[in-house]
Protein backbone atom coordinates (compact mmCIF):
# COMPACT_ATOMS: atom_id res chain seq x y z
CA UNK A 1 39.52 182.24 53.77
CA UNK A 2 40.00 184.54 50.79
CA UNK A 3 37.69 184.43 47.88
CA UNK A 4 39.11 183.21 44.58
CA UNK A 5 39.21 186.77 43.18
CA UNK A 6 41.52 187.90 45.95
CA UNK A 7 43.81 184.92 45.41
CA UNK A 8 44.06 185.63 41.66
CA UNK A 9 44.70 189.34 42.28
CA UNK A 10 47.47 188.50 44.77
CA UNK A 11 49.06 186.05 42.31
CA UNK A 12 48.96 188.63 39.48
CA UNK A 13 50.42 191.32 41.71
CA UNK A 14 53.28 189.04 42.76
CA UNK A 15 53.95 188.03 39.15
CA UNK A 16 53.90 191.58 37.76
CA UNK A 17 55.92 193.32 40.47
CA UNK A 18 59.24 191.58 40.97
CA UNK A 19 61.39 192.90 43.79
CA UNK A 20 64.23 195.01 42.37
CA UNK A 21 67.69 195.01 43.93
CA UNK A 22 68.52 198.69 43.32
CA UNK A 23 71.69 200.32 44.60
CA UNK A 24 73.22 198.32 47.46
CA UNK A 25 76.29 198.25 49.63
CA UNK A 26 78.78 195.55 48.85
CA UNK A 27 81.86 194.34 50.67
CA UNK A 28 85.18 193.74 48.93
CA UNK A 29 86.08 190.09 49.45
CA UNK A 30 89.21 190.14 47.28
CA UNK A 31 91.02 192.65 45.04
CA UNK A 32 93.11 190.24 42.96
CA UNK A 33 91.13 188.72 41.38
CA UNK A 34 88.44 191.15 42.45
CA UNK A 35 85.28 189.89 44.11
CA UNK A 36 82.50 191.78 45.89
CA UNK A 37 79.73 190.29 48.06
CA UNK A 38 76.23 191.80 48.24
CA UNK A 39 73.09 190.93 50.20
CA UNK A 40 75.03 189.63 53.24
CA UNK A 41 77.21 187.39 51.05
CA UNK A 42 74.30 185.69 49.26
CA UNK A 43 75.52 186.98 45.87
CA UNK A 44 79.05 187.40 44.54
CA UNK A 45 80.10 189.85 41.86
CA UNK A 46 83.33 189.35 39.91
CA UNK A 47 84.69 189.95 36.40
CA UNK A 48 82.07 187.59 34.93
CA UNK A 49 79.10 189.70 36.02
CA UNK A 50 80.48 193.07 37.03
CA UNK A 51 82.43 196.16 36.13
CA UNK A 52 84.71 198.23 38.36
CA UNK A 53 85.11 201.97 37.90
CA UNK A 54 88.66 202.66 36.80
CA UNK A 55 89.32 205.09 39.68
CA UNK A 56 89.21 202.22 42.20
CA UNK A 57 91.91 200.15 40.55
CA UNK A 58 94.14 202.79 38.96
CA UNK A 59 94.16 206.52 39.71
CA UNK A 60 96.49 208.87 37.84
CA UNK A 61 96.99 212.56 38.43
CA UNK A 62 99.52 214.94 36.96
CA UNK A 63 101.21 217.96 38.49
CA UNK A 64 103.46 220.81 37.41
CA UNK A 65 105.22 223.54 39.33
CA UNK A 66 107.19 226.70 38.66
CA UNK A 67 108.85 228.57 41.50
CA UNK A 68 111.50 231.20 41.93
CA UNK A 69 112.88 233.19 44.83
CA UNK A 70 115.90 234.01 46.95
CA UNK A 71 117.73 231.61 49.20
CA UNK A 72 118.13 233.04 52.70
CA UNK A 73 119.14 231.85 56.12
CA UNK A 74 117.51 233.60 59.09
CA UNK A 75 116.62 236.54 56.84
CA UNK A 76 120.13 237.00 55.41
CA UNK A 77 121.30 236.07 51.90
CA UNK A 78 122.67 232.53 51.92
CA UNK A 79 125.61 233.28 49.63
CA UNK A 80 126.70 235.23 46.59
CA UNK A 81 124.15 233.57 44.26
CA UNK A 82 120.88 233.58 46.18
CA UNK A 83 118.41 233.75 43.28
CA UNK A 84 116.92 230.46 42.17
CA UNK A 85 114.32 229.22 39.70
CA UNK A 86 112.78 225.76 39.59
CA UNK A 87 110.18 224.07 37.45
CA UNK A 88 109.00 220.57 36.74
CA UNK A 89 106.12 218.27 36.09
CA UNK A 90 105.24 214.69 36.83
CA UNK A 91 102.65 212.04 37.33
CA UNK A 92 101.39 210.37 40.49
CA UNK A 93 99.97 206.85 40.08
CA UNK A 94 97.96 205.19 42.86
CA UNK A 95 97.19 201.53 42.21
CA UNK A 96 94.25 199.71 43.80
CA UNK A 97 92.68 202.25 46.11
CA UNK A 98 90.26 199.66 47.46
CA UNK A 99 91.16 196.86 49.86
CA UNK A 100 89.55 193.76 51.31
CA UNK A 101 86.79 194.69 53.75
CA UNK A 102 85.95 198.05 52.14
CA UNK A 103 82.28 198.88 51.64
CA UNK A 104 81.46 199.82 48.04
CA UNK A 105 78.45 201.21 46.20
CA UNK A 106 77.04 198.59 43.81
CA UNK A 107 74.49 199.49 41.14
CA UNK A 108 72.83 196.84 38.95
CA UNK A 109 72.05 197.31 35.26
CA UNK A 110 68.39 197.49 34.27
CA UNK A 111 68.12 193.69 33.96
CA UNK A 112 70.06 193.11 37.20
CA UNK A 113 72.40 190.74 35.38
CA UNK A 114 75.54 192.91 35.57
CA UNK A 115 76.70 195.20 38.34
CA UNK A 116 78.79 198.36 38.50
CA UNK A 117 81.16 198.86 41.43
CA UNK A 118 81.16 202.65 41.63
CA UNK A 119 83.17 203.81 44.61
CA UNK A 120 84.27 203.15 48.17
CA UNK A 121 81.68 204.23 50.74
CA UNK A 122 82.58 205.48 54.21
CA UNK A 123 79.92 205.58 56.90
CA UNK A 124 79.52 208.64 59.09
CA UNK A 125 82.09 210.82 57.32
């Protein structure tokens, strides 16, 4: 049996050192509305207690090109006007890069009341 001092020290240690969640893996349960499970489904994160990095739900990239050359067929000019010039620009939009079942990196705020869904995580890549 422990002496009373040991029992008090253990109680103080337990009280003063709460277990922190830290960065964890989550699993996407749903994307619309979005919901992520952590700790083997014991806790759910959604719009009421979490934030999703914009890149997971909407990714936009732009492109531009400029090209010129001669049109040929098997090394021979393809006709009387074989010079060409082309240019353009555009935007590529990818919506909802994540899907149900994806593993995601989840990071809590300092009070562990709100969570940030950072990115999709692939194992062994």
